[in-house]
């Protein structure tokens, strides 16, 4: 299980996250300041103890990574939300 910790602190280099969303670091920062990119950092508990999940959403693109205690990515995936699901997630 993961619990939300922050919506503002990044735990990876901006260059790494921007690249995965197909952006330059400069565009990533600009979109983030405009609140077009949603960032959620969650820490694991129970069987996920020691893991951190980082989720970034830009429009219908969602990039999610699970990081180990060494802050290295152990799993990542990119999803593309469709229709109302994309809009509902942005309104949270």
PDB file of N, CA and C in Angstrom:
ATOM      1  N   UNK A   1       0.840  -1.174   0.000  1.00  0.00           N
ATOM      2  CA  UNK A   1       0.000   0.000   0.000  1.00  0.00           C
ATOM      3  C   UNK A   1       0.885   1.237   0.000  1.00  0.00           C
ATOM      4  N   UNK A   2       0.459   2.272  -0.716  1.00  0.00           N
ATOM      5  CA  UNK A   2       1.197   3.525  -0.777  1.00  0.00           C
ATOM      6  C   UNK A   2       0.333   4.645  -0.208  1.00  0.00           C
ATOM      7  N   UNK A   3       0.968   5.579   0.490  1.00  0.00           N
ATOM      8  CA  UNK A   3       0.257   6.728   1.054  1.00  0.00           C
ATOM      9  C   UNK A   3       0.889   8.008   0.530  1.00  0.00           C
ATOM     10  N   UNK A   4       0.053   8.972   0.170  1.00  0.00           N
ATOM     11  CA  UNK A   4       0.544  10.238  -0.379  1.00  0.00           C
ATOM     12  C   UNK A   4       1.377  10.984   0.645  1.00  0.00           C
ATOM     13  N   UNK A   5       2.481  11.527   0.168  1.00  0.00           N
ATOM     14  CA  UNK A   5       3.371  12.297   1.018  1.00  0.00           C
ATOM     15  C   UNK A   5       3.402  13.742   0.564  1.00  0.00           C
ATOM     16  N   UNK A   6       3.471  13.945  -0.733  1.00  0.00           N
ATOM     17  CA  UNK A   6       3.681  15.287  -1.247  1.00  0.00           C
ATOM     18  C   UNK A   6       3.154  15.391  -2.665  1.00  0.00           C
ATOM     19  N   UNK A   7       2.841  16.605  -3.054  1.00  0.00           N
ATOM     20  CA  UNK A   7       2.479  16.855  -4.444  1.00  0.00           C
ATOM     21  C   UNK A   7       3.434  17.848  -5.074  1.00  0.00           C
ATOM     22  N   UNK A   8       4.511  18.170  -4.380  1.00  0.00           N
ATOM     23  CA  UNK A   8       5.411  19.183  -4.928  1.00  0.00           C
ATOM     24  C   UNK A   8       6.870  18.764  -4.994  1.00  0.00           C
ATOM     25  N   UNK A   9       7.313  17.872  -4.129  1.00  0.00           N
ATOM     26  CA  UNK A   9       8.727  17.514  -4.096  1.00  0.00           C
ATOM     27  C   UNK A   9       9.044  16.401  -5.075  1.00  0.00           C
ATOM     28  N   UNK A  10       9.990  16.673  -5.966  1.00  0.00           N
ATOM     29  CA  UNK A  10      10.438  15.650  -6.896  1.00  0.00           C
ATOM     30  C   UNK A  10      11.589  14.894  -6.267  1.00  0.00           C
ATOM     31  N   UNK A  11      11.663  13.605  -6.537  1.00  0.00           N
ATOM     32  CA  UNK A  11      12.727  12.803  -5.953  1.00  0.00           C
ATOM     33  C   UNK A  11      13.680  12.282  -7.019  1.00  0.00           C
ATOM     34  N   UNK A  12      13.446  12.669  -8.264  1.00  0.00           N
ATOM     35  CA  UNK A  12      14.338  12.359  -9.374  1.00  0.00           C
ATOM     36  C   UNK A  12      14.748  13.662 -10.035  1.00  0.00           C
ATOM     37  N   UNK A  13      15.766  13.596 -10.867  1.00  0.00           N
ATOM     38  CA  UNK A  13      16.184  14.786 -11.603  1.00  0.00           C
ATOM     39  C   UNK A  13      15.097  15.182 -12.595  1.00  0.00           C
ATOM     40  N   UNK A  14      14.887  16.479 -12.721  1.00  0.00           N
ATOM     41  CA  UNK A  14      13.878  16.991 -13.643  1.00  0.00           C
ATOM     42  C   UNK A  14      14.143  16.501 -15.060  1.00  0.00           C
ATOM     43  N   UNK A  15      15.413  16.434 -15.447  1.00  0.00           N
ATOM     44  CA  UNK A  15      15.767  15.984 -16.796  1.00  0.00           C
ATOM     45  C   UNK A  15      15.239  14.576 -17.069  1.00  0.00           C
ATOM     46  N   UNK A  16      15.324  13.708 -16.073  1.00  0.00           N
ATOM     47  CA  UNK A  16      14.860  12.325 -16.237  1.00  0.00           C
ATOM     48  C   UNK A  16      13.347  12.250 -16.403  1.00  0.00           C
ATOM     49  N   UNK A  17      12.632  13.005 -15.591  1.00  0.00           N
ATOM     50  CA  UNK A  17      11.165  12.978 -15.660  1.00  0.00           C
ATOM     51  C   UNK A  17      10.682  13.641 -16.944  1.00  0.00           C
ATOM     52  N   UNK A  18      11.257  14.791 -17.278  1.00  0.00           N
ATOM     53  CA  UNK A  18      10.859  15.518 -18.484  1.00  0.00           C
ATOM     54  C   UNK A  18      11.020  14.641 -19.717  1.00  0.00           C
ATOM     55  N   UNK A  19      12.140  13.938 -19.796  1.00  0.00           N
ATOM     56  CA  UNK A  19      12.401  13.066 -20.939  1.00  0.00           C
ATOM     57  C   UNK A  19      11.324  11.997 -21.078  1.00  0.00           C
ATOM     58  N   UNK A  20      10.874  11.457 -19.987  1.00  0.00           N
ATOM     59  CA  UNK A  20       9.864  10.401 -20.039  1.00  0.00           C
ATOM     60  C   UNK A  20       8.496  10.929 -20.462  1.00  0.00           C
ATOM     61  N   UNK A  21       8.270  12.218 -20.273  1.00  0.00           N
ATOM     62  CA  UNK A  21       7.019  12.833 -20.731  1.00  0.00           C
ATOM     63  C   UNK A  21       7.178  13.469 -22.108  1.00  0.00           C
ATOM     64  N   UNK A  22       8.372  13.339 -22.693  1.00  0.00           N
ATOM     65  CA  UNK A  22       8.615  13.896 -24.021  1.00  0.00           C
ATOM     66  C   UNK A  22       8.808  15.403 -24.010  1.00  0.00           C
ATOM     67  N   UNK A  23       9.323  15.940 -22.907  1.00  0.00           N
ATOM     68  CA  UNK A  23       9.500  17.384 -22.753  1.00  0.00           C
ATOM     69  C   UNK A  23      10.960  17.734 -22.511  1.00  0.00           C
ATOM     70  N   UNK A  24      11.289  18.991 -22.746  1.00  0.00           N
ATOM     71  CA  UNK A  24      12.585  19.494 -22.316  1.00  0.00           C
ATOM     72  C   UNK A  24      12.461  19.840 -20.836  1.00  0.00           C
ATOM     73  N   UNK A  25      13.567  19.870 -20.104  1.00  0.00           N
ATOM     74  CA  UNK A  25      13.483  20.267 -18.689  1.00  0.00           C
ATOM     75  C   UNK A  25      12.865  21.657 -18.508  1.00  0.00           C
ATOM     76  N   UNK A  26      13.173  22.560 -19.419  1.00  0.00           N
ATOM     77  CA  UNK A  26      12.628  23.922 -19.339  1.00  0.00           C
ATOM     78  C   UNK A  26      11.101  23.901 -19.484  1.00  0.00           C
ATOM     79  N   UNK A  27      10.599  23.143 -20.462  1.00  0.00           N
ATOM     80  CA  UNK A  27       9.146  23.036 -20.644  1.00  0.00           C
ATOM     81  C   UNK A  27       8.487  22.346 -19.452  1.00  0.00           C
ATOM     82  N   UNK A  28       9.144  21.314 -18.922  1.00  0.00           N
ATOM     83  CA  UNK A  28       8.608  20.619 -17.750  1.00  0.00           C
ATOM     84  C   UNK A  28       8.407  21.598 -16.598  1.00  0.00           C
ATOM     85  N   UNK A  29       9.420  22.398 -16.307  1.00  0.00           N
ATOM     86  CA  UNK A  29       9.320  23.377 -15.210  1.00  0.00           C
ATOM     87  C   UNK A  29       8.231  24.407 -15.480  1.00  0.00           C
ATOM     88  N   UNK A  30       8.166  24.880 -16.723  1.00  0.00           N
ATOM     89  CA  UNK A  30       7.153  25.880 -17.074  1.00  0.00           C
ATOM     90  C   UNK A  30       5.752  25.302 -16.902  1.00  0.00           C
ATOM     91  N   UNK A  31       5.517  24.098 -17.424  1.00  0.00           N
ATOM     92  CA  UNK A  31       4.200  23.466 -17.299  1.00  0.00           C
ATOM     93  C   UNK A  31       3.862  23.179 -15.840  1.00  0.00           C
ATOM     94  N   UNK A  32       4.870  22.832 -15.079  1.00  0.00           N
ATOM     95  CA  UNK A  32       4.643  22.549 -13.655  1.00  0.00           C
ATOM     96  C   UNK A  32       4.244  23.824 -12.911  1.00  0.00           C
ATOM     97  N   UNK A  33       4.902  24.937 -13.219  1.00  0.00           N
ATOM     98  CA  UNK A  33       4.551  26.213 -12.590  1.00  0.00           C
ATOM     99  C   UNK A  33       3.149  26.654 -12.981  1.00  0.00           C
ATOM    100  N   UNK A  34       2.739  26.304 -14.201  1.00  0.00           N
ATOM    101  CA  UNK A  34       1.388  26.627 -14.659  1.00  0.00           C
ATOM    102  C   UNK A  34       0.352  25.621 -14.147  1.00  0.00           C
ATOM    103  N   UNK A  35       0.832  24.644 -13.378  1.00  0.00           N
ATOM    104  CA  UNK A  35      -0.003  23.580 -12.817  1.00  0.00           C
ATOM    105  C   UNK A  35      -0.661  22.717 -13.892  1.00  0.00           C
ATOM    106  N   UNK A  36       0.045  22.551 -15.011  1.00  0.00           N
ATOM    107  CA  UNK A  36      -0.424  21.657 -16.059  1.00  0.00           C
ATOM    108  C   UNK A  36       0.111  20.246 -15.847  1.00  0.00           C
ATOM    109  N   UNK A  37       1.144  20.129 -15.021  1.00  0.00           N
ATOM    110  CA  UNK A  37       1.696  18.829 -14.665  1.00  0.00           C
ATOM    111  C   UNK A  37       1.361  18.563 -13.205  1.00  0.00           C
ATOM    112  N   UNK A  38       0.709  17.446 -12.971  1.00  0.00           N
ATOM    113  CA  UNK A  38       0.398  17.032 -11.605  1.00  0.00           C
ATOM    114  C   UNK A  38       1.471  16.061 -11.143  1.00  0.00           C
ATOM    115  N   UNK A  39       1.971  16.255  -9.936  1.00  0.00           N
ATOM    116  CA  UNK A  39       3.008  15.393  -9.371  1.00  0.00           C
ATOM    117  C   UNK A  39       2.512  14.858  -8.033  1.00  0.00           C
ATOM    118  N   UNK A  40       2.662  13.562  -7.845  1.00  0.00           N
ATOM    119  CA  UNK A  40       2.277  12.938  -6.583  1.00  0.00           C
ATOM    120  C   UNK A  40       3.396  12.002  -6.150  1.00  0.00           C
ATOM    121  N   UNK A  41       3.859  12.161  -4.917  1.00  0.00           N
ATOM    122  CA  UNK A  41       4.882  11.290  -4.341  1.00  0.00           C
ATOM    123  C   UNK A  41       4.233  10.523  -3.194  1.00  0.00           C
ATOM    124  N   UNK A  42       4.357   9.194  -3.223  1.00  0.00           N
ATOM    125  CA  UNK A  42       3.754   8.340  -2.199  1.00  0.00           C
ATOM    126  C   UNK A  42       4.815   7.403  -1.632  1.00  0.00           C
ATOM    127  N   UNK A  43       4.727   7.129  -0.333  1.00  0.00           N
ATOM    128  CA  UNK A  43       5.651   6.179   0.288  1.00  0.00           C
ATOM    129  C   UNK A  43       4.926   4.870   0.562  1.00  0.00           C
ATOM    130  N   UNK A  44       5.669   3.793   0.464  1.00  0.00           N
ATOM    131  CA  UNK A  44       5.090   2.472   0.654  1.00  0.00           C
ATOM    132  C   UNK A  44       5.049   2.060   2.113  1.00  0.00           C
ATOM    133  N   UNK A  45       4.095   1.200   2.430  1.00  0.00           N
ATOM    134  CA  UNK A  45       4.007   0.618   3.770  1.00  0.00           C
ATOM    135  C   UNK A  45       3.668  -0.858   3.611  1.00  0.00           C
ATOM    136  N   UNK A  46       3.825  -1.603   4.689  1.00  0.00           N
ATOM    137  CA  UNK A  46       3.543  -3.038   4.625  1.00  0.00           C
ATOM    138  C   UNK A  46       4.495  -3.725   3.664  1.00  0.00           C
ATOM    139  N   UNK A  47       3.939  -4.447   2.702  1.00  0.00           N
ATOM    140  CA  UNK A  47       4.782  -5.169   1.744  1.00  0.00           C
ATOM    141  C   UNK A  47       5.557  -4.231   0.818  1.00  0.00           C
ATOM    142  N   UNK A  48       5.169  -2.967   0.750  1.00  0.00           N
ATOM    143  CA  UNK A  48       5.860  -1.983  -0.090  1.00  0.00           C
ATOM    144  C   UNK A  48       6.779  -1.067   0.721  1.00  0.00           C
ATOM    145  N   UNK A  49       7.052  -1.445   1.955  1.00  0.00           N
ATOM    146  CA  UNK A  49       7.931  -0.654   2.832  1.00  0.00           C
ATOM    147  C   UNK A  49       9.268  -0.398   2.134  1.00  0.00           C
ATOM    148  N   UNK A  50       9.730   0.850   2.188  1.00  0.00           N
ATOM    149  CA  UNK A  50      11.011   1.209   1.582  1.00  0.00           C
ATOM    150  C   UNK A  50      10.910   1.641   0.129  1.00  0.00           C
ATOM    151  N   UNK A  51       9.714   1.513  -0.458  1.00  0.00           N
ATOM    152  CA  UNK A  51       9.514   1.927  -1.843  1.00  0.00           C
ATOM    153  C   UNK A  51       8.816   3.281  -1.889  1.00  0.00           C
ATOM    154  N   UNK A  52       9.037   3.991  -2.962  1.00  0.00           N
ATOM    155  CA  UNK A  52       8.380   5.275  -3.198  1.00  0.00           C
ATOM    156  C   UNK A  52       7.785   5.237  -4.594  1.00  0.00           C
ATOM    157  N   UNK A  53       6.564   5.745  -4.731  1.00  0.00           N
ATOM    158  CA  UNK A  53       5.937   5.820  -6.054  1.00  0.00           C
ATOM    159  C   UNK A  53       5.830   7.288  -6.449  1.00  0.00           C
ATOM    160  N   UNK A  54       6.286   7.587  -7.646  1.00  0.00           N
ATOM    161  CA  UNK A  54       6.224   8.936  -8.196  1.00  0.00           C
ATOM    162  C   UNK A  54       5.313   8.898  -9.410  1.00  0.00           C
ATOM    163  N   UNK A  55       4.277   9.733  -9.399  1.00  0.00           N
ATOM    164  CA  UNK A  55       3.335   9.802 -10.506  1.00  0.00           C
ATOM    165  C   UNK A  55       3.320  11.226 -11.043  1.00  0.00           C
ATOM    166  N   UNK A  56       3.463  11.359 -12.366  1.00  0.00           N
ATOM    167  CA  UNK A  56       3.404  12.664 -13.027  1.00  0.00           C
ATOM    168  C   UNK A  56       2.383  12.568 -14.147  1.00  0.00           C
ATOM    169  N   UNK A  57       1.480  13.550 -14.206  1.00  0.00           N
ATOM    170  CA  UNK A  57       0.467  13.566 -15.255  1.00  0.00           C
ATOM    171  C   UNK A  57       0.508  14.891 -15.989  1.00  0.00           C
ATOM    172  N   UNK A  58       0.527  14.800 -17.315  1.00  0.00           N
ATOM    173  CA  UNK A  58       0.429  15.961 -18.196  1.00  0.00           C
ATOM    174  C   UNK A  58      -0.664  15.644 -19.199  1.00  0.00           C
ATOM    175  N   UNK A  59      -1.798  16.322 -19.071  1.00  0.00           N
ATOM    176  CA  UNK A  59      -2.920  16.018 -19.955  1.00  0.00           C
ATOM    177  C   UNK A  59      -3.360  14.582 -19.762  1.00  0.00           C
ATOM    178  N   UNK A  60      -3.363  13.821 -20.857  1.00  0.00           N
ATOM    179  CA  UNK A  60      -3.772  12.420 -20.748  1.00  0.00           C
ATOM    180  C   UNK A  60      -2.587  11.475 -20.557  1.00  0.00           C
ATOM    181  N   UNK A  61      -1.361  12.007 -20.471  1.00  0.00           N
ATOM    182  CA  UNK A  61      -0.167  11.178 -20.261  1.00  0.00           C
ATOM    183  C   UNK A  61       0.113  11.040 -18.776  1.00  0.00           C
ATOM    184  N   UNK A  62       0.263   9.808 -18.324  1.00  0.00           N
ATOM    185  CA  UNK A  62       0.598   9.540 -16.927  1.00  0.00           C
ATOM    186  C   UNK A  62       1.848   8.672 -16.903  1.00  0.00           C
ATOM    187  N   UNK A  63       2.895   9.181 -16.266  1.00  0.00           N
ATOM    188  CA  UNK A  63       4.119   8.401 -16.075  1.00  0.00           C
ATOM    189  C   UNK A  63       4.206   8.077 -14.597  1.00  0.00           C
ATOM    190  N   UNK A  64       4.409   6.792 -14.310  1.00  0.00           N
ATOM    191  CA  UNK A  64       4.468   6.342 -12.926  1.00  0.00           C
ATOM    192  C   UNK A  64       5.718   5.490 -12.747  1.00  0.00           C
ATOM    193  N   UNK A  65       6.452   5.756 -11.671  1.00  0.00           N
ATOM    194  CA  UNK A  65       7.665   4.991 -11.375  1.00  0.00           C
ATOM    195  C   UNK A  65       7.658   4.565  -9.918  1.00  0.00           C
ATOM    196  N   UNK A  66       8.188   3.382  -9.676  1.00  0.00           N
ATOM    197  CA  UNK A  66       8.405   2.897  -8.311  1.00  0.00           C
ATOM    198  C   UNK A  66       9.906   2.910  -8.093  1.00  0.00           C
ATOM    199  N   UNK A  67      10.324   3.550  -6.997  1.00  0.00           N
ATOM    200  CA  UNK A  67      11.740   3.670  -6.687  1.00  0.00           C
ATOM    201  C   UNK A  67      12.060   2.897  -5.422  1.00  0.00           C
ATOM    202  N   UNK A  68      13.235   2.288  -5.423  1.00  0.00           N
ATOM    203  CA  UNK A  68      13.705   1.582  -4.240  1.00  0.00           C
ATOM    204  C   UNK A  68      14.279   2.552  -3.230  1.00  0.00           C
ATOM    205  N   UNK A  69      14.776   2.028  -2.124  1.00  0.00           N
ATOM    206  CA  UNK A  69      15.331   2.883  -1.068  1.00  0.00           C
ATOM    207  C   UNK A  69      16.564   3.643  -1.541  1.00  0.00           C
ATOM    208  N   UNK A  70      17.198   3.171  -2.627  1.00  0.00           N
ATOM    209  CA  UNK A  70      18.366   3.856  -3.189  1.00  0.00           C
ATOM    210  C   UNK A  70      17.973   4.917  -4.213  1.00  0.00           C
ATOM    211  N   UNK A  71      16.660   5.188  -4.346  1.00  0.00           N
ATOM    212  CA  UNK A  71      16.098   6.171  -5.273  1.00  0.00           C
ATOM    213  C   UNK A  71      16.329   5.806  -6.742  1.00  0.00           C
ATOM    214  N   UNK A  72      16.569   4.536  -7.014  1.00  0.00           N
ATOM    215  CA  UNK A  72      16.688   4.038  -8.383  1.00  0.00           C
ATOM    216  C   UNK A  72      15.338   3.465  -8.809  1.00  0.00           C
ATOM    217  N   UNK A  73      14.991   3.660 -10.070  1.00  0.00           N
ATOM    218  CA  UNK A  73      13.716   3.175 -10.587  1.00  0.00           C
ATOM    219  C   UNK A  73      13.742   1.652 -10.675  1.00  0.00           C
ATOM    220  N   UNK A  74      12.763   1.022 -10.023  1.00  0.00           N
ATOM    221  CA  UNK A  74      12.653  -0.437 -10.093  1.00  0.00           C
ATOM    222  C   UNK A  74      11.566  -0.863 -11.074  1.00  0.00           C
ATOM    223  N   UNK A  75      10.604   0.024 -11.325  1.00  0.00           N
ATOM    224  CA  UNK A  75       9.528  -0.244 -12.279  1.00  0.00           C
ATOM    225  C   UNK A  75       8.987   1.097 -12.756  1.00  0.00           C
ATOM    226  N   UNK A  76       8.650   1.164 -14.035  1.00  0.00           N
ATOM    227  CA  UNK A  76       8.015   2.379 -14.549  1.00  0.00           C
ATOM    228  C   UNK A  76       7.083   2.030 -15.691  1.00  0.00           C
ATOM    229  N   UNK A  77       6.090   2.880 -15.885  1.00  0.00           N
ATOM    230  CA  UNK A  77       5.171   2.703 -17.002  1.00  0.00           C
ATOM    231  C   UNK A  77       4.565   4.046 -17.373  1.00  0.00           C
ATOM    232  N   UNK A  78       4.185   4.152 -18.638  1.00  0.00           N
ATOM    233  CA  UNK A  78       3.496   5.331 -19.141  1.00  0.00           C
ATOM    234  C   UNK A  78       2.138   4.881 -19.646  1.00  0.00           C
ATOM    235  N   UNK A  79       1.116   5.602 -19.235  1.00  0.00           N
ATOM    236  CA  UNK A  79      -0.247   5.296 -19.672  1.00  0.00           C
ATOM    237  C   UNK A  79      -0.836   6.534 -20.329  1.00  0.00           C
ATOM    238  N   UNK A  80      -1.805   6.302 -21.184  1.00  0.00           N
ATOM    239  CA  UNK A  80      -2.537   7.389 -21.813  1.00  0.00           C
ATOM    240  C   UNK A  80      -4.004   7.221 -21.447  1.00  0.00           C
ATOM    241  N   UNK A  81      -4.515   8.174 -20.680  1.00  0.00           N
ATOM    242  CA  UNK A  81      -5.906   8.121 -20.234  1.00  0.00           C
ATOM    243  C   UNK A  81      -6.824   8.568 -21.359  1.00  0.00           C
ATOM    244  N   UNK A  82      -8.011   8.053 -21.357  1.00  0.00           N
ATOM    245  CA  UNK A  82      -8.986   8.380 -22.395  1.00  0.00           C
ATOM    246  C   UNK A  82     -10.179   9.115 -21.793  1.00  0.00           C
ATOM    247  N   UNK A  83     -10.698  10.073 -22.522  1.00  0.00           N
ATOM    248  CA  UNK A  83     -11.954  10.740 -22.215  1.00  0.00           C
ATOM    249  C   UNK A  83     -12.141  11.215 -20.795  1.00  0.00           C
ATOM    250  N   UNK A  84     -13.232  10.817 -20.185  1.00  0.00           N
ATOM    251  CA  UNK A  84     -13.616  11.295 -18.857  1.00  0.00           C
ATOM    252  C   UNK A  84     -12.625  10.892 -17.772  1.00  0.00           C
ATOM    253  N   UNK A  85     -11.966   9.761 -17.930  1.00  0.00           N
ATOM    254  CA  UNK A  85     -10.989   9.330 -16.942  1.00  0.00           C
ATOM    255  C   UNK A  85      -9.869  10.353 -16.821  1.00  0.00           C
ATOM    256  N   UNK A  86      -9.428  10.884 -17.944  1.00  0.00           N
ATOM    257  CA  UNK A  86      -8.381  11.900 -17.941  1.00  0.00           C
ATOM    258  C   UNK A  86      -8.860  13.165 -17.242  1.00  0.00           C
ATOM    259  N   UNK A  87     -10.062  13.598 -17.539  1.00  0.00           N
ATOM    260  CA  UNK A  87     -10.611  14.808 -16.937  1.00  0.00           C
ATOM    261  C   UNK A  87     -10.853  14.622 -15.447  1.00  0.00           C
ATOM    262  N   UNK A  88     -11.350  13.469 -15.045  1.00  0.00           N
ATOM    263  CA  UNK A  88     -11.640  13.206 -13.631  1.00  0.00           C
ATOM    264  C   UNK A  88     -10.364  13.222 -12.812  1.00  0.00           C
ATOM    265  N   UNK A  89      -9.306  12.667 -13.337  1.00  0.00           N
ATOM    266  CA  UNK A  89      -8.048  12.608 -12.596  1.00  0.00           C
ATOM    267  C   UNK A  89      -7.472  14.009 -12.404  1.00  0.00           C
ATOM    268  N   UNK A  90      -7.601  14.862 -13.410  1.00  0.00           N
ATOM    269  CA  UNK A  90      -7.069  16.221 -13.307  1.00  0.00           C
ATOM    270  C   UNK A  90      -7.847  17.068 -12.312  1.00  0.00           C
ATOM    271  N   UNK A  91      -9.102  16.759 -12.081  1.00  0.00           N
ATOM    272  CA  UNK A  91      -9.917  17.593 -11.190  1.00  0.00           C
ATOM    273  C   UNK A  91      -9.712  17.264  -9.719  1.00  0.00           C
ATOM    274  N   UNK A  92      -8.921  16.242  -9.403  1.00  0.00           N
ATOM    275  CA  UNK A  92      -8.676  15.871  -7.994  1.00  0.00           C
ATOM    276  C   UNK A  92      -7.753  16.850  -7.330  1.00  0.00           C
TER     277      UNK A  92
END
